Amino acid sequence: MKNDTFLDYLSTKHADGYMGTDDNMPDSFERYLESLDTNEMIDFADEWTKNVLEFAQLKVKQIKGVYSAHDALEAVDKVLSDLQK
């Protein structure tokens, strides 16, 4: 997944609109985080959650050759566990 954590997602959002040198990017990102208001943060969290869920759904759909409900649940558990890393 492109954005493993919410912070990674916010970093990507910042980078998409960043104009400057690599040296100044970390400080710019800090200022960017501080400038986000509550509604923007909630909107970004909603987008990120939607992306995570869509990724999980794709991974679950890729589970093939499952012969029992137990095997399917184990495979889903593994997908969810991998997402938490």
PDB file of N, CA and C in Angstrom:
ATOM      1  N   MET A   1       0.842  -1.168   0.000  1.00  0.00           N
ATOM      2  CA  MET A   1       0.000   0.000   0.000  1.00  0.00           C
ATOM      3  C   MET A   1       0.889   1.234   0.000  1.00  0.00           C
ATOM      4  N   LYS A   2       0.494   2.210  -0.749  1.00  0.00           N
ATOM      5  CA  LYS A   2       1.312   3.411  -0.905  1.00  0.00           C
ATOM      6  C   LYS A   2       1.503   4.146   0.417  1.00  0.00           C
ATOM      7  N   ASN A   3       0.433   4.301   1.198  1.00  0.00           N
ATOM      8  CA  ASN A   3       0.495   5.042   2.455  1.00  0.00           C
ATOM      9  C   ASN A   3       0.178   4.099   3.610  1.00  0.00           C
ATOM     10  N   ASP A   4       1.225   3.569   4.229  1.00  0.00           N
ATOM     11  CA  ASP A   4       1.023   2.570   5.266  1.00  0.00           C
ATOM     12  C   ASP A   4       0.394   3.140   6.535  1.00  0.00           C
ATOM     13  N   THR A   5       0.766   4.341   6.915  1.00  0.00           N
ATOM     14  CA  THR A   5       0.221   4.941   8.119  1.00  0.00           C
ATOM     15  C   THR A   5      -0.465   6.254   7.764  1.00  0.00           C
ATOM     16  N   PHE A   6      -1.245   6.752   8.700  1.00  0.00           N
ATOM     17  CA  PHE A   6      -1.916   8.029   8.479  1.00  0.00           C
ATOM     18  C   PHE A   6      -0.887   9.140   8.312  1.00  0.00           C
ATOM     19  N   LEU A   7       0.201   9.067   9.066  1.00  0.00           N
ATOM     20  CA  LEU A   7       1.255  10.072   8.931  1.00  0.00           C
ATOM     21  C   LEU A   7       1.897  10.002   7.544  1.00  0.00           C
ATOM     22  N   ASP A   8       2.095   8.784   7.015  1.00  0.00           N
ATOM     23  CA  ASP A   8       2.602   8.634   5.648  1.00  0.00           C
ATOM     24  C   ASP A   8       1.639   9.273   4.644  1.00  0.00           C
ATOM     25  N   TYR A   9       0.348   9.067   4.878  1.00  0.00           N
ATOM     26  CA  TYR A   9      -0.671   9.636   3.994  1.00  0.00           C
ATOM     27  C   TYR A   9      -0.597  11.158   4.008  1.00  0.00           C
ATOM     28  N   LEU A  10      -0.495  11.735   5.203  1.00  0.00           N
ATOM     29  CA  LEU A  10      -0.394  13.192   5.314  1.00  0.00           C
ATOM     30  C   LEU A  10       0.890  13.702   4.667  1.00  0.00           C
ATOM     31  N   SER A  11       1.957  12.943   4.813  1.00  0.00           N
ATOM     32  CA  SER A  11       3.229  13.324   4.185  1.00  0.00           C
ATOM     33  C   SER A  11       3.090  13.356   2.671  1.00  0.00           C
ATOM     34  N   THR A  12       2.387  12.392   2.106  1.00  0.00           N
ATOM     35  CA  THR A  12       2.156  12.354   0.667  1.00  0.00           C
ATOM     36  C   THR A  12       1.289  13.527   0.232  1.00  0.00           C
ATOM     37  N   LYS A  13       0.251  13.828   1.012  1.00  0.00           N
ATOM     38  CA  LYS A  13      -0.597  14.982   0.703  1.00  0.00           C
ATOM     39  C   LYS A  13       0.234  16.259   0.691  1.00  0.00           C
ATOM     40  N   HIS A  14       1.107  16.406   1.672  1.00  0.00           N
ATOM     41  CA  HIS A  14       1.975  17.585   1.742  1.00  0.00           C
ATOM     42  C   HIS A  14       2.907  17.625   0.534  1.00  0.00           C
ATOM     43  N   ALA A  15       3.520  16.489   0.220  1.00  0.00           N
ATOM     44  CA  ALA A  15       4.495  16.424  -0.873  1.00  0.00           C
ATOM     45  C   ALA A  15       3.854  16.743  -2.217  1.00  0.00           C
ATOM     46  N   ASP A  16       2.588  16.361  -2.387  1.00  0.00           N
ATOM     47  CA  ASP A  16       1.896  16.628  -3.655  1.00  0.00           C
ATOM     48  C   ASP A  16       1.847  18.118  -3.981  1.00  0.00           C
ATOM     49  N   GLY A  17       1.766  18.967  -2.957  1.00  0.00           N
ATOM     50  CA  GLY A  17       1.682  20.397  -3.203  1.00  0.00           C
ATOM     51  C   GLY A  17       2.936  21.161  -2.818  1.00  0.00           C
ATOM     52  N   TYR A  18       3.998  20.438  -2.452  1.00  0.00           N
ATOM     53  CA  TYR A  18       5.202  21.102  -1.953  1.00  0.00           C
ATOM     54  C   TYR A  18       6.036  21.679  -3.088  1.00  0.00           C
ATOM     55  N   MET A  19       6.457  22.907  -2.890  1.00  0.00           N
ATOM     56  CA  MET A  19       7.367  23.572  -3.820  1.00  0.00           C
ATOM     57  C   MET A  19       8.552  24.072  -2.997  1.00  0.00           C
ATOM     58  N   GLY A  20       9.666  23.450  -3.146  1.00  0.00           N
ATOM     59  CA  GLY A  20      10.830  23.864  -2.376  1.00  0.00           C
ATOM     60  C   GLY A  20      11.916  22.819  -2.469  1.00  0.00           C
ATOM     61  N   THR A  21      12.940  23.012  -1.664  1.00  0.00           N
ATOM     62  CA  THR A  21      14.063  22.087  -1.682  1.00  0.00           C
ATOM     63  C   THR A  21      13.829  20.941  -0.710  1.00  0.00           C
ATOM     64  N   ASP A  22      14.546  19.848  -0.940  1.00  0.00           N
ATOM     65  CA  ASP A  22      14.448  18.692  -0.044  1.00  0.00           C
ATOM     66  C   ASP A  22      14.893  19.046   1.371  1.00  0.00           C
ATOM     67  N   ASP A  23      15.860  19.958   1.486  1.00  0.00           N
ATOM     68  CA  ASP A  23      16.369  20.341   2.800  1.00  0.00           C
ATOM     69  C   ASP A  23      15.291  20.988   3.668  1.00  0.00           C
ATOM     70  N   ASN A  24      14.386  21.722   3.051  1.00  0.00           N
ATOM     71  CA  ASN A  24      13.357  22.446   3.799  1.00  0.00           C
ATOM     72  C   ASN A  24      12.067  21.650   3.978  1.00  0.00           C
ATOM     73  N   MET A  25      11.982  20.498   3.342  1.00  0.00           N
ATOM     74  CA  MET A  25      10.732  19.750   3.344  1.00  0.00           C
ATOM     75  C   MET A  25      10.304  19.296   4.753  1.00  0.00           C
ATOM     76  N   PRO A  26      11.188  18.772   5.596  1.00  0.00           N
ATOM     77  CA  PRO A  26      10.729  18.358   6.929  1.00  0.00           C
ATOM     78  C   PRO A  26      10.122  19.510   7.738  1.00  0.00           C
ATOM     79  N   ASP A  27      10.750  20.672   7.693  1.00  0.00           N
ATOM     80  CA  ASP A  27      10.197  21.828   8.414  1.00  0.00           C
ATOM     81  C   ASP A  27       8.874  22.262   7.803  1.00  0.00           C
ATOM     82  N   SER A  28       8.795  22.222   6.486  1.00  0.00           N
ATOM     83  CA  SER A  28       7.557  22.579   5.807  1.00  0.00           C
ATOM     84  C   SER A  28       6.439  21.613   6.187  1.00  0.00           C
ATOM     85  N   PHE A  29       6.766  20.338   6.299  1.00  0.00           N
ATOM     86  CA  PHE A  29       5.768  19.340   6.681  1.00  0.00           C
ATOM     87  C   PHE A  29       5.258  19.604   8.096  1.00  0.00           C
ATOM     88  N   GLU A  30       6.152  19.957   9.004  1.00  0.00           N
ATOM     89  CA  GLU A  30       5.738  20.287  10.375  1.00  0.00           C
ATOM     90  C   GLU A  30       4.768  21.478  10.376  1.00  0.00           C
ATOM     91  N   ARG A  31       5.102  22.495   9.614  1.00  0.00           N
ATOM     92  CA  ARG A  31       4.212  23.662   9.526  1.00  0.00           C
ATOM     93  C   ARG A  31       2.869  23.277   8.895  1.00  0.00           C
ATOM     94  N   TYR A  32       2.940  22.411   7.896  1.00  0.00           N
ATOM     95  CA  TYR A  32       1.725  21.926   7.236  1.00  0.00           C
ATOM     96  C   TYR A  32       0.809  21.225   8.253  1.00  0.00           C
ATOM     97  N   LEU A  33       1.382  20.342   9.060  1.00  0.00           N
ATOM     98  CA  LEU A  33       0.584  19.635  10.070  1.00  0.00           C
ATOM     99  C   LEU A  33      -0.042  20.611  11.060  1.00  0.00           C
ATOM    100  N   GLU A  34       0.745  21.586  11.486  1.00  0.00           N
ATOM    101  CA  GLU A  34       0.250  22.563  12.454  1.00  0.00           C
ATOM    102  C   GLU A  34      -0.853  23.439  11.868  1.00  0.00           C
ATOM    103  N   SER A  35      -0.844  23.613  10.553  1.00  0.00           N
ATOM    104  CA  SER A  35      -1.830  24.499   9.922  1.00  0.00           C
ATOM    105  C   SER A  35      -3.162  23.804   9.635  1.00  0.00           C
ATOM    106  N   LEU A  36      -3.195  22.484   9.690  1.00  0.00           N
ATOM    107  CA  LEU A  36      -4.442  21.767   9.389  1.00  0.00           C
ATOM    108  C   LEU A  36      -5.472  22.030  10.486  1.00  0.00           C
ATOM    109  N   ASP A  37      -6.685  22.366  10.080  1.00  0.00           N
ATOM    110  CA  ASP A  37      -7.731  22.529  11.088  1.00  0.00           C
ATOM    111  C   ASP A  37      -8.417  21.180  11.316  1.00  0.00           C
ATOM    112  N   THR A  38      -9.292  21.151  12.286  1.00  0.00           N
ATOM    113  CA  THR A  38      -9.945  19.896  12.683  1.00  0.00           C
ATOM    114  C   THR A  38     -10.712  19.267  11.529  1.00  0.00           C
ATOM    115  N   ASN A  39     -11.454  20.056  10.785  1.00  0.00           N
ATOM    116  CA  ASN A  39     -12.241  19.506   9.672  1.00  0.00           C
ATOM    117  C   ASN A  39     -11.353  18.928   8.579  1.00  0.00           C
ATOM    118  N   GLU A  40     -10.242  19.608   8.276  1.00  0.00           N
ATOM    119  CA  GLU A  40      -9.313  19.073   7.275  1.00  0.00           C
ATOM    120  C   GLU A  40      -8.729  17.747   7.748  1.00  0.00           C
ATOM    121  N   MET A  41      -8.361  17.683   9.032  1.00  0.00           N
ATOM    122  CA  MET A  41      -7.785  16.450   9.579  1.00  0.00           C
ATOM    123  C   MET A  41      -8.803  15.312   9.512  1.00  0.00           C
ATOM    124  N   ILE A  42     -10.054  15.609   9.834  1.00  0.00           N
ATOM    125  CA  ILE A  42     -11.104  14.590   9.759  1.00  0.00           C
ATOM    126  C   ILE A  42     -11.309  14.136   8.317  1.00  0.00           C
ATOM    127  N   ASP A  43     -11.330  15.079   7.383  1.00  0.00           N
ATOM    128  CA  ASP A  43     -11.485  14.721   5.966  1.00  0.00           C
ATOM    129  C   ASP A  43     -10.339  13.829   5.496  1.00  0.00           C
ATOM    130  N   PHE A  44      -9.109  14.182   5.862  1.00  0.00           N
ATOM    131  CA  PHE A  44      -7.953  13.358   5.487  1.00  0.00           C
ATOM    132  C   PHE A  44      -8.038  11.976   6.138  1.00  0.00           C
ATOM    133  N   ALA A  45      -8.464  11.926   7.395  1.00  0.00           N
ATOM    134  CA  ALA A  45      -8.596  10.632   8.088  1.00  0.00           C
ATOM    135  C   ALA A  45      -9.649   9.772   7.406  1.00  0.00           C
ATOM    136  N   ASP A  46     -10.742  10.391   6.988  1.00  0.00           N
ATOM    137  CA  ASP A  46     -11.783   9.646   6.268  1.00  0.00           C
ATOM    138  C   ASP A  46     -11.255   9.096   4.944  1.00  0.00           C
ATOM    139  N   GLU A  47     -10.511   9.923   4.198  1.00  0.00           N
ATOM    140  CA  GLU A  47      -9.935   9.473   2.921  1.00  0.00           C
ATOM    141  C   GLU A  47      -8.963   8.317   3.145  1.00  0.00           C
ATOM    142  N   TRP A  48      -8.094   8.464   4.146  1.00  0.00           N
ATOM    143  CA  TRP A  48      -7.101   7.432   4.422  1.00  0.00           C
ATOM    144  C   TRP A  48      -7.778   6.123   4.833  1.00  0.00           C
ATOM    145  N   THR A  49      -8.800   6.222   5.693  1.00  0.00           N
ATOM    146  CA  THR A  49      -9.526   5.028   6.130  1.00  0.00           C
ATOM    147  C   THR A  49     -10.181   4.345   4.940  1.00  0.00           C
ATOM    148  N   LYS A  50     -10.764   5.126   4.047  1.00  0.00           N
ATOM    149  CA  LYS A  50     -11.385   4.559   2.841  1.00  0.00           C
ATOM    150  C   LYS A  50     -10.337   3.820   2.010  1.00  0.00           C
ATOM    151  N   ASN A  51      -9.152   4.419   1.864  1.00  0.00           N
ATOM    152  CA  ASN A  51      -8.076   3.768   1.102  1.00  0.00           C
ATOM    153  C   ASN A  51      -7.650   2.459   1.750  1.00  0.00           C
ATOM    154  N   VAL A  52      -7.525   2.454   3.079  1.00  0.00           N
ATOM    155  CA  VAL A  52      -7.116   1.244   3.799  1.00  0.00           C
ATOM    156  C   VAL A  52      -8.164   0.153   3.617  1.00  0.00           C
ATOM    157  N   LEU A  53      -9.430   0.521   3.740  1.00  0.00           N
ATOM    158  CA  LEU A  53     -10.490  -0.469   3.584  1.00  0.00           C
ATOM    159  C   LEU A  53     -10.549  -1.024   2.161  1.00  0.00           C
ATOM    160  N   GLU A  54     -10.374  -0.167   1.169  1.00  0.00           N
ATOM    161  CA  GLU A  54     -10.371  -0.634  -0.222  1.00  0.00           C
ATOM    162  C   GLU A  54      -9.195  -1.582  -0.459  1.00  0.00           C
ATOM    163  N   PHE A  55      -8.037  -1.258   0.116  1.00  0.00           N
ATOM    164  CA  PHE A  55      -6.870  -2.122  -0.013  1.00  0.00           C
ATOM    165  C   PHE A  55      -7.142  -3.482   0.640  1.00  0.00           C
ATOM    166  N   ALA A  56      -7.736  -3.463   1.825  1.00  0.00           N
ATOM    167  CA  ALA A  56      -8.052  -4.713   2.520  1.00  0.00           C
ATOM    168  C   ALA A  56      -9.046  -5.543   1.715  1.00  0.00           C
ATOM    169  N   GLN A  57     -10.045  -4.883   1.127  1.00  0.00           N
ATOM    170  CA  GLN A  57     -11.023  -5.604   0.315  1.00  0.00           C
ATOM    171  C   GLN A  57     -10.355  -6.268  -0.884  1.00  0.00           C
ATOM    172  N   LEU A  58      -9.432  -5.564  -1.526  1.00  0.00           N
ATOM    173  CA  LEU A  58      -8.717  -6.160  -2.658  1.00  0.00           C
ATOM    174  C   LEU A  58      -7.908  -7.370  -2.221  1.00  0.00           C
ATOM    175  N   LYS A  59      -7.231  -7.241  -1.075  1.00  0.00           N
ATOM    176  CA  LYS A  59      -6.423  -8.362  -0.586  1.00  0.00           C
ATOM    177  C   LYS A  59      -7.301  -9.558  -0.253  1.00  0.00           C
ATOM    178  N   VAL A  60      -8.458  -9.324   0.342  1.00  0.00           N
ATOM    179  CA  VAL A  60      -9.355 -10.419   0.686  1.00  0.00           C
ATOM    180  C   VAL A  60      -9.875 -11.088  -0.589  1.00  0.00           C
ATOM    181  N   LYS A  61     -10.170 -10.297  -1.621  1.00  0.00           N
ATOM    182  CA  LYS A  61     -10.650 -10.868  -2.881  1.00  0.00           C
ATOM    183  C   LYS A  61      -9.587 -11.731  -3.551  1.00  0.00           C
ATOM    184  N   GLN A  62      -8.316 -11.472  -3.225  1.00  0.00           N
ATOM    185  CA  GLN A  62      -7.229 -12.232  -3.821  1.00  0.00           C
ATOM    186  C   GLN A  62      -7.056 -13.608  -3.173  1.00  0.00           C
ATOM    187  N   ILE A  63      -7.725 -13.825  -2.067  1.00  0.00           N
ATOM    188  CA  ILE A  63      -7.613 -15.114  -1.375  1.00  0.00           C
ATOM    189  C   ILE A  63      -8.327 -16.160  -2.234  1.00  0.00           C
ATOM    190  N   LYS A  64      -7.546 -17.083  -2.729  1.00  0.00           N
ATOM    191  CA  LYS A  64      -8.103 -18.106  -3.615  1.00  0.00           C
ATOM    192  C   LYS A  64      -7.795 -19.484  -3.048  1.00  0.00           C
ATOM    193  N   GLY A  65      -8.536 -20.445  -3.482  1.00  0.00           N
ATOM    194  CA  GLY A  65      -8.272 -21.823  -3.079  1.00  0.00           C
ATOM    195  C   GLY A  65      -8.614 -22.094  -1.624  1.00  0.00           C
ATOM    196  N   VAL A  66      -9.533 -21.329  -1.079  1.00  0.00           N
ATOM    197  CA  VAL A  66      -9.927 -21.535   0.313  1.00  0.00           C
ATOM    198  C   VAL A  66     -10.919 -22.696   0.342  1.00  0.00           C
ATOM    199  N   TYR A  67     -10.634 -23.658   1.201  1.00  0.00           N
ATOM    200  CA  TYR A  67     -11.446 -24.862   1.231  1.00  0.00           C
ATOM    201  C   TYR A  67     -12.409 -24.918   2.408  1.00  0.00           C
ATOM    202  N   SER A  68     -12.253 -24.022   3.371  1.00  0.00           N
ATOM    203  CA  SER A  68     -13.164 -24.041   4.506  1.00  0.00           C
ATOM    204  C   SER A  68     -13.328 -22.635   5.052  1.00  0.00           C
ATOM    205  N   ALA A  69     -14.371 -22.456   5.831  1.00  0.00           N
ATOM    206  CA  ALA A  69     -14.602 -21.153   6.458  1.00  0.00           C
ATOM    207  C   ALA A  69     -13.446 -20.818   7.396  1.00  0.00           C
ATOM    208  N   HIS A  70     -12.922 -21.816   8.077  1.00  0.00           N
ATOM    209  CA  HIS A  70     -11.793 -21.602   8.987  1.00  0.00           C
ATOM    210  C   HIS A  70     -10.581 -21.073   8.228  1.00  0.00           C
ATOM    211  N   ASP A  71     -10.271 -21.682   7.091  1.00  0.00           N
ATOM    212  CA  ASP A  71      -9.146 -21.219   6.275  1.00  0.00           C
ATOM    213  C   ASP A  71      -9.375 -19.788   5.786  1.00  0.00           C
ATOM    214  N   ALA A  72     -10.615 -19.480   5.414  1.00  0.00           N
ATOM    215  CA  ALA A  72     -10.935 -18.133   4.946  1.00  0.00           C
ATOM    216  C   ALA A  72     -10.740 -17.119   6.059  1.00  0.00           C
ATOM    217  N   LEU A  73     -11.207 -17.445   7.260  1.00  0.00           N
ATOM    218  CA  LEU A  73     -11.049 -16.525   8.387  1.00  0.00           C
ATOM    219  C   LEU A  73      -9.573 -16.325   8.736  1.00  0.00           C
ATOM    220  N   GLU A  74      -8.795 -17.377   8.671  1.00  0.00           N
ATOM    221  CA  GLU A  74      -7.357 -17.250   8.931  1.00  0.00           C
ATOM    222  C   GLU A  74      -6.705 -16.346   7.892  1.00  0.00           C
ATOM    223  N   ALA A  75      -7.098 -16.493   6.641  1.00  0.00           N
ATOM    224  CA  ALA A  75      -6.530 -15.662   5.577  1.00  0.00           C
ATOM    225  C   ALA A  75      -6.920 -14.193   5.768  1.00  0.00           C
ATOM    226  N   VAL A  76      -8.160 -13.938   6.143  1.00  0.00           N
ATOM    227  CA  VAL A  76      -8.609 -12.563   6.393  1.00  0.00           C
ATOM    228  C   VAL A  76      -7.865 -11.991   7.594  1.00  0.00           C
ATOM    229  N   ASP A  77      -7.712 -12.783   8.643  1.00  0.00           N
ATOM    230  CA  ASP A  77      -6.959 -12.338   9.819  1.00  0.00           C
ATOM    231  C   ASP A  77      -5.532 -11.939   9.445  1.00  0.00           C
ATOM    232  N   LYS A  78      -4.921 -12.708   8.550  1.00  0.00           N
ATOM    233  CA  LYS A  78      -3.568 -12.393   8.120  1.00  0.00           C
ATOM    234  C   LYS A  78      -3.526 -11.065   7.361  1.00  0.00           C
ATOM    235  N   VAL A  79      -4.505 -10.832   6.477  1.00  0.00           N
ATOM    236  CA  VAL A  79      -4.579  -9.576   5.740  1.00  0.00           C
ATOM    237  C   VAL A  79      -4.694  -8.405   6.717  1.00  0.00           C
ATOM    238  N   LEU A  80      -5.592  -8.523   7.687  1.00  0.00           N
ATOM    239  CA  LEU A  80      -5.785  -7.452   8.653  1.00  0.00           C
ATOM    240  C   LEU A  80      -4.542  -7.250   9.513  1.00  0.00           C
ATOM    241  N   SER A  81      -3.909  -8.332   9.885  1.00  0.00           N
ATOM    242  CA  SER A  81      -2.677  -8.240  10.682  1.00  0.00           C
ATOM    243  C   SER A  81      -1.579  -7.540   9.893  1.00  0.00           C
ATOM    244  N   ASP A  82      -1.458  -7.871   8.612  1.00  0.00           N
ATOM    245  CA  ASP A  82      -0.442  -7.233   7.762  1.00  0.00           C
ATOM    246  C   ASP A  82      -0.707  -5.740   7.623  1.00  0.00           C
ATOM    247  N   LEU A  83      -1.968  -5.347   7.597  1.00  0.00           N
ATOM    248  CA  LEU A  83      -2.312  -3.933   7.477  1.00  0.00           C
ATOM    249  C   LEU A  83      -1.922  -3.148   8.725  1.00  0.00           C
ATOM    250  N   GLN A  84      -1.871  -3.815   9.857  1.00  0.00           N
ATOM    251  CA  GLN A  84      -1.548  -3.138  11.106  1.00  0.00           C
ATOM    252  C   GLN A  84      -0.054  -2.942  11.303  1.00  0.00           C
ATOM    253  N   LYS A  85       0.750  -3.559  10.478  1.00  0.00           N
ATOM    254  CA  LYS A  85       2.216  -3.450  10.622  1.00  0.00           C
ATOM    255  C   LYS A  85       2.711  -2.145  10.104  1.00  0.00           C
TER     256      LYS A  85
END
